[in-house]
Amino acid sequence: MKLVLTLAVLFYFMATGLAKAAPGKALVAYFSWGGNTRGIAELIHEQTGGDIFEIVPAKPYSGNYNTVLDEALRDQRAQARPALKDQVQNMAQYDVIYIGYPNWWASIPMPIATFLESYDFSGKTIVPFCSHGGGRLGQSVAAIAKLSPNVKILEGLSVHYTGGSSLKSDITAWLKKIGQAR
């Protein structure tokens, strides 16, 4: 009787859309130039578990802010695919991939494009997050969708610079909203 009742409750929640899929094994992959995105990635990782992976270009960008903006624009215009230092081992084990980046020129930095084109994400869930100086997600989600067909993309998180003192609770609320809180 308990099993029948439990199944009936489960079917009710599934039929009404009140049940959310449990988060799968997660990977938080991020590219960070100045450290803002790294800080966000670490908090997401702390709250979701799984693994964390820093996307590092084989040839680093300049440490000077004005120079890096010029380099980023140059790479975007050329649709460059800079080589990366490391690869994720066994990407197949991940169901959910959080992808973090700074918003450069209203889109993703080109190391993110290299990362997205390096793996088959078909059937996986991608969750974008970015740091920005005012441009929010810009056109970055559209760029991710174009480079990663056959994926489910959840609502992204945009964080102004470091996110301030409410960042941890903002991430918690966002993860709950998108059904990825553990």
N, C-alpha and C. Protein backbone atom coordinates (compact mmCIF):
# COMPACT_ATOMS: atom_id res chain seq x y z
N MET A 1 0.82 -1.18 0.00
CA MET A 1 0.00 0.00 0.00
C MET A 1 0.87 1.26 0.00
N LYS A 2 1.96 1.27 0.82
CA LYS A 2 2.84 2.44 0.88
C LYS A 2 3.49 2.69 -0.48
N LEU A 3 3.91 1.61 -1.16
CA LEU A 3 4.54 1.75 -2.46
C LEU A 3 3.57 2.36 -3.46
N VAL A 4 2.34 1.91 -3.47
CA VAL A 4 1.32 2.44 -4.38
C VAL A 4 1.09 3.92 -4.09
N LEU A 5 0.98 4.28 -2.81
CA LEU A 5 0.77 5.67 -2.42
C LEU A 5 1.97 6.53 -2.81
N THR A 6 3.17 6.02 -2.58
CA THR A 6 4.38 6.75 -2.94
C THR A 6 4.45 6.96 -4.44
N LEU A 7 4.16 5.94 -5.22
CA LEU A 7 4.15 6.07 -6.67
C LEU A 7 3.09 7.05 -7.13
N ALA A 8 1.93 7.03 -6.50
CA ALA A 8 0.86 7.96 -6.86
C ALA A 8 1.29 9.40 -6.62
N VAL A 9 1.95 9.65 -5.51
CA VAL A 9 2.44 11.00 -5.20
C VAL A 9 3.50 11.41 -6.21
N LEU A 10 4.42 10.49 -6.53
CA LEU A 10 5.46 10.77 -7.50
C LEU A 10 4.86 11.10 -8.86
N PHE A 11 3.91 10.31 -9.32
CA PHE A 11 3.28 10.57 -10.60
C PHE A 11 2.54 11.90 -10.61
N TYR A 12 1.92 12.25 -9.48
CA TYR A 12 1.23 13.53 -9.39
C TYR A 12 2.22 14.68 -9.59
N PHE A 13 3.36 14.63 -8.89
CA PHE A 13 4.34 15.70 -9.01
C PHE A 13 4.93 15.75 -10.41
N MET A 14 5.15 14.59 -11.02
CA MET A 14 5.68 14.56 -12.37
C MET A 14 4.67 15.13 -13.36
N ALA A 15 3.41 14.76 -13.20
CA ALA A 15 2.37 15.21 -14.11
C ALA A 15 2.10 16.71 -13.98
N THR A 16 2.25 17.24 -12.79
CA THR A 16 1.98 18.66 -12.59
C THR A 16 3.21 19.52 -12.82
N GLY A 17 4.34 18.92 -13.10
CA GLY A 17 5.55 19.67 -13.36
C GLY A 17 6.21 20.18 -12.09
N LEU A 18 5.76 19.72 -10.94
CA LEU A 18 6.34 20.18 -9.69
C LEU A 18 7.62 19.45 -9.33
N ALA A 19 7.87 18.35 -9.97
CA ALA A 19 9.12 17.62 -9.72
C ALA A 19 10.18 18.13 -10.69
N LYS A 20 11.38 18.29 -10.21
CA LYS A 20 12.48 18.70 -11.06
C LYS A 20 13.49 17.57 -11.11
N ALA A 21 14.11 17.44 -12.25
CA ALA A 21 15.12 16.40 -12.39
C ALA A 21 16.25 16.66 -11.41
N ALA A 22 16.73 15.61 -10.81
CA ALA A 22 17.86 15.74 -9.89
C ALA A 22 19.09 16.18 -10.67
N PRO A 23 19.88 17.05 -10.09
CA PRO A 23 21.11 17.44 -10.78
C PRO A 23 21.99 16.23 -11.05
N GLY A 24 22.59 16.17 -12.23
CA GLY A 24 23.50 15.08 -12.56
C GLY A 24 24.89 15.40 -12.08
N LYS A 25 25.85 14.52 -12.41
CA LYS A 25 27.25 14.78 -12.02
C LYS A 25 27.70 16.05 -12.72
N ALA A 26 28.25 16.96 -11.95
CA ALA A 26 28.55 18.29 -12.46
C ALA A 26 30.04 18.52 -12.67
N LEU A 27 30.31 19.37 -13.65
CA LEU A 27 31.64 19.90 -13.89
C LEU A 27 31.49 21.42 -13.96
N VAL A 28 32.28 22.13 -13.19
CA VAL A 28 32.33 23.59 -13.28
C VAL A 28 33.61 23.90 -14.04
N ALA A 29 33.46 24.32 -15.30
CA ALA A 29 34.59 24.67 -16.15
C ALA A 29 34.56 26.18 -16.36
N TYR A 30 35.70 26.82 -16.19
CA TYR A 30 35.69 28.28 -16.29
C TYR A 30 37.01 28.81 -16.86
N PHE A 31 36.89 29.97 -17.51
CA PHE A 31 38.04 30.75 -17.93
C PHE A 31 37.96 32.05 -17.16
N SER A 32 39.05 32.43 -16.52
CA SER A 32 39.07 33.67 -15.75
C SER A 32 40.32 34.45 -16.07
N TRP A 33 40.16 35.70 -16.43
CA TRP A 33 41.32 36.54 -16.72
C TRP A 33 41.80 37.26 -15.46
N GLY A 34 40.90 37.93 -14.75
CA GLY A 34 41.30 38.74 -13.61
C GLY A 34 40.95 38.16 -12.26
N GLY A 35 40.31 37.00 -12.23
CA GLY A 35 39.97 36.34 -10.98
C GLY A 35 38.51 36.42 -10.60
N ASN A 36 37.74 37.33 -11.21
CA ASN A 36 36.32 37.45 -10.87
C ASN A 36 35.55 36.16 -11.19
N THR A 37 35.74 35.64 -12.38
CA THR A 37 35.03 34.42 -12.77
C THR A 37 35.49 33.24 -11.94
N ARG A 38 36.76 33.20 -11.59
CA ARG A 38 37.28 32.11 -10.73
C ARG A 38 36.53 32.09 -9.40
N GLY A 39 36.36 33.24 -8.79
CA GLY A 39 35.65 33.32 -7.51
C GLY A 39 34.22 32.82 -7.61
N ILE A 40 33.54 33.17 -8.69
CA ILE A 40 32.17 32.70 -8.92
C ILE A 40 32.17 31.19 -9.11
N ALA A 41 33.11 30.70 -9.93
CA ALA A 41 33.21 29.26 -10.19
C ALA A 41 33.43 28.47 -8.91
N GLU A 42 34.28 28.98 -8.04
CA GLU A 42 34.56 28.27 -6.79
C GLU A 42 33.32 28.20 -5.90
N LEU A 43 32.52 29.26 -5.87
CA LEU A 43 31.29 29.22 -5.08
C LEU A 43 30.25 28.28 -5.69
N ILE A 44 30.14 28.26 -7.02
CA ILE A 44 29.22 27.32 -7.68
C ILE A 44 29.68 25.89 -7.40
N HIS A 45 30.96 25.65 -7.52
CA HIS A 45 31.51 24.32 -7.24
C HIS A 45 31.22 23.90 -5.80
N GLU A 46 31.41 24.82 -4.87
CA GLU A 46 31.15 24.54 -3.46
C GLU A 46 29.69 24.14 -3.23
N GLN A 47 28.79 24.76 -3.98
CA GLN A 47 27.37 24.50 -3.77
C GLN A 47 26.81 23.34 -4.60
N THR A 48 27.52 22.94 -5.65
CA THR A 48 27.00 21.87 -6.51
C THR A 48 27.78 20.57 -6.42
N GLY A 49 29.00 20.64 -5.93
CA GLY A 49 29.83 19.44 -5.88
C GLY A 49 30.42 19.15 -7.25
N GLY A 50 30.68 17.91 -7.51
CA GLY A 50 31.27 17.54 -8.79
C GLY A 50 32.74 17.93 -8.85
N ASP A 51 33.17 18.29 -10.04
CA ASP A 51 34.57 18.63 -10.28
C ASP A 51 34.67 20.06 -10.77
N ILE A 52 35.88 20.60 -10.72
CA ILE A 52 36.14 21.95 -11.22
C ILE A 52 37.34 21.89 -12.15
N PHE A 53 37.29 22.69 -13.21
CA PHE A 53 38.34 22.67 -14.23
C PHE A 53 38.55 24.09 -14.74
N GLU A 54 39.79 24.55 -14.67
CA GLU A 54 40.09 25.88 -15.20
C GLU A 54 40.53 25.77 -16.65
N ILE A 55 39.88 26.52 -17.50
CA ILE A 55 40.21 26.59 -18.93
C ILE A 55 41.33 27.62 -19.07
N VAL A 56 42.51 27.15 -19.44
CA VAL A 56 43.69 28.02 -19.51
C VAL A 56 44.24 27.98 -20.93
N PRO A 57 44.34 29.15 -21.57
CA PRO A 57 44.95 29.16 -22.91
C PRO A 57 46.43 28.79 -22.82
N ALA A 58 46.92 28.08 -23.82
CA ALA A 58 48.33 27.70 -23.85
C ALA A 58 49.21 28.95 -23.90
N LYS A 59 48.76 29.97 -24.60
CA LYS A 59 49.46 31.26 -24.64
C LYS A 59 48.59 32.25 -23.87
N PRO A 60 49.06 32.68 -22.70
CA PRO A 60 48.23 33.56 -21.86
C PRO A 60 47.97 34.92 -22.51
N TYR A 61 46.84 35.49 -22.13
CA TYR A 61 46.54 36.87 -22.53
C TYR A 61 47.39 37.82 -21.69
N SER A 62 47.50 39.04 -22.13
CA SER A 62 48.25 40.07 -21.41
C SER A 62 47.65 40.28 -20.02
N GLY A 63 48.47 40.67 -19.08
CA GLY A 63 48.00 41.01 -17.75
C GLY A 63 47.49 42.44 -17.65
N ASN A 64 47.68 43.21 -18.71
CA ASN A 64 47.23 44.60 -18.76
C ASN A 64 45.80 44.66 -19.29
N TYR A 65 44.93 45.33 -18.54
CA TYR A 65 43.49 45.35 -18.89
C TYR A 65 43.23 45.91 -20.29
N ASN A 66 43.82 47.05 -20.62
CA ASN A 66 43.57 47.65 -21.94
C ASN A 66 44.10 46.76 -23.06
N THR A 67 45.26 46.16 -22.84
CA THR A 67 45.84 45.27 -23.84
C THR A 67 44.98 44.03 -24.02
N VAL A 68 44.50 43.46 -22.92
CA VAL A 68 43.69 42.25 -23.04
C VAL A 68 42.38 42.53 -23.79
N LEU A 69 41.83 43.72 -23.61
CA LEU A 69 40.62 44.06 -24.38
C LEU A 69 40.90 44.07 -25.87
N ASP A 70 42.06 44.61 -26.25
CA ASP A 70 42.46 44.61 -27.67
C ASP A 70 42.68 43.19 -28.17
N GLU A 71 43.33 42.36 -27.35
CA GLU A 71 43.58 40.96 -27.73
C GLU A 71 42.26 40.20 -27.89
N ALA A 72 41.35 40.43 -26.96
CA ALA A 72 40.05 39.75 -27.00
C ALA A 72 39.27 40.14 -28.26
N LEU A 73 39.27 41.42 -28.58
CA LEU A 73 38.58 41.88 -29.78
C LEU A 73 39.22 41.31 -31.04
N ARG A 74 40.54 41.30 -31.07
CA ARG A 74 41.27 40.71 -32.21
C ARG A 74 40.87 39.24 -32.40
N ASP A 75 40.87 38.48 -31.29
CA ASP A 75 40.52 37.06 -31.36
C ASP A 75 39.08 36.85 -31.81
N GLN A 76 38.16 37.68 -31.31
CA GLN A 76 36.76 37.54 -31.72
C GLN A 76 36.58 37.83 -33.20
N ARG A 77 37.20 38.90 -33.66
CA ARG A 77 37.07 39.25 -35.09
C ARG A 77 37.63 38.15 -35.98
N ALA A 78 38.70 37.51 -35.54
CA ALA A 78 39.34 36.43 -36.31
C ALA A 78 38.66 35.08 -36.07
N GLN A 79 37.70 35.04 -35.12
CA GLN A 79 37.10 33.77 -34.69
C GLN A 79 38.20 32.76 -34.35
N ALA A 80 39.19 33.26 -33.63
CA ALA A 80 40.36 32.45 -33.24
C ALA A 80 39.93 31.31 -32.32
N ARG A 81 40.68 30.26 -32.35
CA ARG A 81 40.48 29.13 -31.43
C ARG A 81 41.82 28.86 -30.76
N PRO A 82 42.13 29.64 -29.71
CA PRO A 82 43.43 29.45 -29.06
C PRO A 82 43.56 28.06 -28.44
N ALA A 83 44.73 27.51 -28.56
CA ALA A 83 45.01 26.20 -27.95
C ALA A 83 44.87 26.33 -26.44
N LEU A 84 44.45 25.23 -25.81
CA LEU A 84 44.29 25.19 -24.36
C LEU A 84 45.40 24.34 -23.75
N LYS A 85 45.76 24.69 -22.52
CA LYS A 85 46.83 23.99 -21.81
C LYS A 85 46.47 22.55 -21.47
N ASP A 86 45.22 22.33 -21.03
CA ASP A 86 44.80 21.00 -20.57
C ASP A 86 43.44 20.62 -21.15
N GLN A 87 43.13 19.36 -21.03
CA GLN A 87 41.84 18.83 -21.46
C GLN A 87 41.14 18.17 -20.28
N VAL A 88 39.82 18.13 -20.33
CA VAL A 88 39.04 17.40 -19.33
C VAL A 88 39.14 15.92 -19.66
N GLN A 89 39.49 15.13 -18.67
CA GLN A 89 39.55 13.68 -18.87
C GLN A 89 38.16 13.11 -18.66
N ASN A 90 37.68 12.31 -19.58
CA ASN A 90 36.41 11.61 -19.47
C ASN A 90 35.21 12.54 -19.32
N MET A 91 35.02 13.42 -20.31
CA MET A 91 33.89 14.35 -20.31
C MET A 91 32.56 13.59 -20.27
N ALA A 92 32.55 12.35 -20.75
CA ALA A 92 31.31 11.57 -20.80
C ALA A 92 30.68 11.36 -19.42
N GLN A 93 31.46 11.44 -18.35
CA GLN A 93 30.93 11.20 -17.01
C GLN A 93 30.05 12.34 -16.49
N TYR A 94 30.09 13.50 -17.16
CA TYR A 94 29.35 14.66 -16.66
C TYR A 94 28.01 14.83 -17.37
N ASP A 95 26.99 15.12 -16.58
CA ASP A 95 25.66 15.39 -17.13
C ASP A 95 25.40 16.89 -17.24
N VAL A 96 25.97 17.64 -16.29
CA VAL A 96 25.75 19.08 -16.21
C VAL A 96 27.11 19.77 -16.23
N ILE A 97 27.26 20.71 -17.16
CA ILE A 97 28.50 21.45 -17.28
C ILE A 97 28.20 22.93 -17.09
N TYR A 98 28.72 23.49 -16.00
CA TYR A 98 28.65 24.93 -15.77
C TYR A 98 29.83 25.53 -16.51
N ILE A 99 29.57 26.53 -17.34
CA ILE A 99 30.64 27.14 -18.11
C ILE A 99 30.71 28.62 -17.75
N GLY A 100 31.85 29.01 -17.18
CA GLY A 100 32.03 30.38 -16.72
C GLY A 100 33.08 31.13 -17.51
N TYR A 101 32.86 32.43 -17.62
CA TYR A 101 33.73 33.27 -18.44
C TYR A 101 33.46 34.75 -18.14
N PRO A 102 34.43 35.60 -18.45
CA PRO A 102 34.14 37.02 -18.44
C PRO A 102 33.43 37.39 -19.75
N ASN A 103 32.49 38.31 -19.69
CA ASN A 103 31.83 38.80 -20.91
C ASN A 103 32.82 39.73 -21.59
N TRP A 104 33.35 39.28 -22.71
CA TRP A 104 34.28 40.10 -23.49
C TRP A 104 33.60 40.51 -24.78
N TRP A 105 33.43 41.78 -24.97
CA TRP A 105 32.83 42.32 -26.16
C TRP A 105 31.47 41.69 -26.44
N ALA A 106 30.66 41.56 -25.38
CA ALA A 106 29.27 41.08 -25.44
C ALA A 106 29.15 39.60 -25.79
N SER A 107 30.23 38.85 -25.65
CA SER A 107 30.15 37.43 -25.97
C SER A 107 31.16 36.64 -25.14
N ILE A 108 31.38 35.40 -25.56
CA ILE A 108 32.33 34.52 -24.87
C ILE A 108 33.75 34.81 -25.33
N PRO A 109 34.72 34.65 -24.44
CA PRO A 109 36.12 34.70 -24.88
C PRO A 109 36.41 33.48 -25.77
N MET A 110 37.32 33.64 -26.67
CA MET A 110 37.61 32.56 -27.62
C MET A 110 38.15 31.28 -26.99
N PRO A 111 38.83 31.30 -25.82
CA PRO A 111 39.16 30.02 -25.19
C PRO A 111 37.90 29.20 -24.84
N ILE A 112 36.80 29.86 -24.58
CA ILE A 112 35.54 29.14 -24.32
C ILE A 112 35.06 28.47 -25.61
N ALA A 113 35.21 29.16 -26.74
CA ALA A 113 34.84 28.55 -28.02
C ALA A 113 35.68 27.30 -28.29
N THR A 114 36.98 27.40 -28.02
CA THR A 114 37.86 26.23 -28.18
C THR A 114 37.37 25.08 -27.30
N PHE A 115 37.08 25.39 -26.04
CA PHE A 115 36.60 24.38 -25.10
C PHE A 115 35.32 23.72 -25.60
N LEU A 116 34.36 24.53 -26.03
CA LEU A 116 33.07 23.98 -26.47
C LEU A 116 33.21 23.10 -27.71
N GLU A 117 34.14 23.45 -28.58
CA GLU A 117 34.34 22.67 -29.80
C GLU A 117 35.22 21.44 -29.58
N SER A 118 35.78 21.30 -28.39
CA SER A 118 36.69 20.18 -28.11
C SER A 118 35.97 18.92 -27.64
N TYR A 119 34.69 19.03 -27.35
CA TYR A 119 33.94 17.89 -26.78
C TYR A 119 32.57 17.79 -27.44
N ASP A 120 32.00 16.59 -27.35
CA ASP A 120 30.62 16.39 -27.79
C ASP A 120 29.73 16.51 -26.55
N PHE A 121 28.97 17.58 -26.48
CA PHE A 121 28.10 17.82 -25.34
C PHE A 121 26.67 17.35 -25.60
N SER A 122 26.43 16.65 -26.67
CA SER A 122 25.08 16.19 -27.01
C SER A 122 24.42 15.50 -25.83
N GLY A 123 23.18 15.92 -25.55
CA GLY A 123 22.40 15.32 -24.48
C GLY A 123 22.74 15.83 -23.08
N LYS A 124 23.70 16.71 -23.00
CA LYS A 124 24.10 17.24 -21.69
C LYS A 124 23.38 18.56 -21.42
N THR A 125 23.51 19.03 -20.21
CA THR A 125 22.95 20.32 -19.81
C THR A 125 24.11 21.28 -19.58
N ILE A 126 24.03 22.43 -20.22
CA ILE A 126 25.04 23.47 -20.05
C ILE A 126 24.40 24.62 -19.27
N VAL A 127 25.15 25.10 -18.29
CA VAL A 127 24.68 26.20 -17.45
C VAL A 127 25.73 27.31 -17.51
N PRO A 128 25.44 28.39 -18.26
CA PRO A 128 26.42 29.47 -18.38
C PRO A 128 26.40 30.42 -17.18
N PHE A 129 27.58 30.96 -16.87
CA PHE A 129 27.67 32.04 -15.90
C PHE A 129 28.82 32.95 -16.31
N CYS A 130 28.64 34.23 -16.07
CA CYS A 130 29.69 35.16 -16.48
C CYS A 130 29.86 36.30 -15.48
N SER A 131 31.05 36.86 -15.52
CA SER A 131 31.32 38.11 -14.82
C SER A 131 31.33 39.19 -15.89
N HIS A 132 30.95 40.40 -15.51
CA HIS A 132 30.87 41.47 -16.50
C HIS A 132 30.99 42.83 -15.83
N GLY A 133 31.24 43.83 -16.64
CA GLY A 133 31.34 45.19 -16.16
C GLY A 133 30.12 46.00 -16.50
N GLY A 134 29.06 45.35 -16.97
CA GLY A 134 27.82 46.04 -17.31
C GLY A 134 27.06 45.39 -18.46
N GLY A 135 27.70 44.47 -19.16
CA GLY A 135 27.08 43.86 -20.34
C GLY A 135 26.26 42.61 -20.07
N ARG A 136 26.14 42.22 -18.80
CA ARG A 136 25.41 41.01 -18.44
C ARG A 136 25.85 39.82 -19.30
N LEU A 137 24.92 38.98 -19.72
CA LEU A 137 25.27 37.80 -20.54
C LEU A 137 25.51 38.17 -22.00
N GLY A 138 25.09 39.39 -22.40
CA GLY A 138 25.28 39.82 -23.78
C GLY A 138 24.74 38.79 -24.76
N GLN A 139 25.54 38.46 -25.76
CA GLN A 139 25.18 37.45 -26.77
C GLN A 139 25.85 36.11 -26.49
N SER A 140 26.37 35.95 -25.26
CA SER A 140 27.15 34.76 -24.95
C SER A 140 26.34 33.47 -24.98
N VAL A 141 25.10 33.51 -24.54
CA VAL A 141 24.29 32.28 -24.53
C VAL A 141 24.00 31.83 -25.96
N ALA A 142 23.75 32.78 -26.85
CA ALA A 142 23.54 32.45 -28.26
C ALA A 142 24.80 31.84 -28.86
N ALA A 143 25.97 32.36 -28.49
CA ALA A 143 27.23 31.82 -28.99
C ALA A 143 27.44 30.39 -28.48
N ILE A 144 27.12 30.15 -27.23
CA ILE A 144 27.25 28.80 -26.66
C ILE A 144 26.31 27.84 -27.38
N ALA A 145 25.07 28.27 -27.61
CA ALA A 145 24.09 27.42 -28.29
C ALA A 145 24.56 27.07 -29.71
N LYS A 146 25.15 28.02 -30.39
CA LYS A 146 25.63 27.78 -31.75
C LYS A 146 26.77 26.77 -31.77
N LEU A 147 27.65 26.85 -30.77
CA LEU A 147 28.81 25.96 -30.72
C LEU A 147 28.52 24.60 -30.10
N SER A 148 27.38 24.49 -29.43
CA SER A 148 27.03 23.24 -28.73
C SER A 148 25.62 22.81 -29.07
N PRO A 149 25.42 22.29 -30.26
CA PRO A 149 24.07 21.84 -30.61
C PRO A 149 23.67 20.61 -29.79
N ASN A 150 22.38 20.38 -29.74
CA ASN A 150 21.84 19.19 -29.06
C ASN A 150 22.10 19.16 -27.57
N VAL A 151 22.11 20.33 -26.94
CA VAL A 151 22.25 20.43 -25.50
C VAL A 151 21.06 21.19 -24.94
N LYS A 152 20.85 21.01 -23.67
CA LYS A 152 19.87 21.82 -22.95
C LYS A 152 20.66 22.92 -22.26
N ILE A 153 20.26 24.17 -22.47
CA ILE A 153 20.95 25.29 -21.83
C ILE A 153 20.00 25.90 -20.81
N LEU A 154 20.43 25.90 -19.57
CA LEU A 154 19.63 26.48 -18.50
C LEU A 154 19.90 27.98 -18.40
N GLU A 155 19.02 28.67 -17.68
CA GLU A 155 19.16 30.11 -17.48
C GLU A 155 20.52 30.42 -16.86
N GLY A 156 21.23 31.36 -17.48
CA GLY A 156 22.55 31.72 -17.02
C GLY A 156 22.53 32.71 -15.86
N LEU A 157 23.69 32.87 -15.28
CA LEU A 157 23.89 33.81 -14.19
C LEU A 157 24.91 34.85 -14.65
N SER A 158 24.55 36.12 -14.52
CA SER A 158 25.51 37.18 -14.80
C SER A 158 25.82 37.90 -13.50
N VAL A 159 27.10 38.12 -13.27
CA VAL A 159 27.57 38.71 -12.02
C VAL A 159 28.39 39.95 -12.36
N HIS A 160 27.99 41.07 -11.79
CA HIS A 160 28.71 42.32 -12.01
C HIS A 160 30.03 42.28 -11.23
N TYR A 161 31.14 42.28 -11.96
CA TYR A 161 32.49 42.17 -11.39
C TYR A 161 32.58 40.99 -10.42
N THR A 162 32.78 41.24 -9.11
CA THR A 162 32.95 40.14 -8.15
C THR A 162 31.64 39.72 -7.50
N GLY A 163 30.57 40.48 -7.72
CA GLY A 163 29.27 40.09 -7.18
C GLY A 163 28.96 40.66 -5.80
N GLY A 164 29.94 41.16 -5.11
CA GLY A 164 29.70 41.77 -3.82
C GLY A 164 29.38 40.79 -2.71
N SER A 165 28.91 41.32 -1.61
CA SER A 165 28.69 40.51 -0.41
C SER A 165 27.52 39.54 -0.52
N SER A 166 26.63 39.76 -1.47
CA SER A 166 25.47 38.86 -1.61
C SER A 166 25.71 37.72 -2.60
N LEU A 167 26.92 37.62 -3.15
CA LEU A 167 27.18 36.64 -4.21
C LEU A 167 26.81 35.22 -3.81
N LYS A 168 27.22 34.77 -2.64
CA LYS A 168 26.94 33.40 -2.23
C LYS A 168 25.44 33.13 -2.19
N SER A 169 24.67 34.03 -1.60
CA SER A 169 23.21 33.82 -1.53
C SER A 169 22.57 34.00 -2.90
N ASP A 170 23.13 34.86 -3.74
CA ASP A 170 22.62 35.01 -5.11
C ASP A 170 22.79 33.71 -5.90
N ILE A 171 23.94 33.07 -5.72
CA ILE A 171 24.19 31.79 -6.40
C ILE A 171 23.24 30.72 -5.87
N THR A 172 23.04 30.69 -4.56
CA THR A 172 22.11 29.72 -3.97
C THR A 172 20.72 29.89 -4.56
N ALA A 173 20.23 31.12 -4.62
CA ALA A 173 18.89 31.39 -5.18
C ALA A 173 18.81 31.00 -6.65
N TRP A 174 19.86 31.30 -7.41
CA TRP A 174 19.90 30.95 -8.84
C TRP A 174 19.88 29.44 -9.03
N LEU A 175 20.68 28.71 -8.26
CA LEU A 175 20.70 27.25 -8.38
C LEU A 175 19.34 26.65 -8.05
N LYS A 176 18.67 27.18 -7.05
CA LYS A 176 17.32 26.70 -6.72
C LYS A 176 16.37 26.99 -7.87
N LYS A 177 16.45 28.20 -8.41
CA LYS A 177 15.55 28.61 -9.51
C LYS A 177 15.68 27.70 -10.73
N ILE A 178 16.90 27.28 -11.03
CA ILE A 178 17.11 26.45 -12.22
C ILE A 178 17.08 24.95 -11.92
N GLY A 179 16.76 24.61 -10.68
CA GLY A 179 16.63 23.20 -10.32
C GLY A 179 17.94 22.45 -10.17
N GLN A 180 19.00 23.16 -9.80
CA GLN A 180 20.31 22.51 -9.69
C GLN A 180 20.88 22.57 -8.28
N ALA A 181 20.09 22.99 -7.30
CA ALA A 181 20.58 23.01 -5.92
C ALA A 181 20.65 21.58 -5.40
N ARG A 182 21.64 21.32 -4.58
CA ARG A 182 21.70 19.98 -4.00
C ARG A 182 21.18 19.98 -2.60
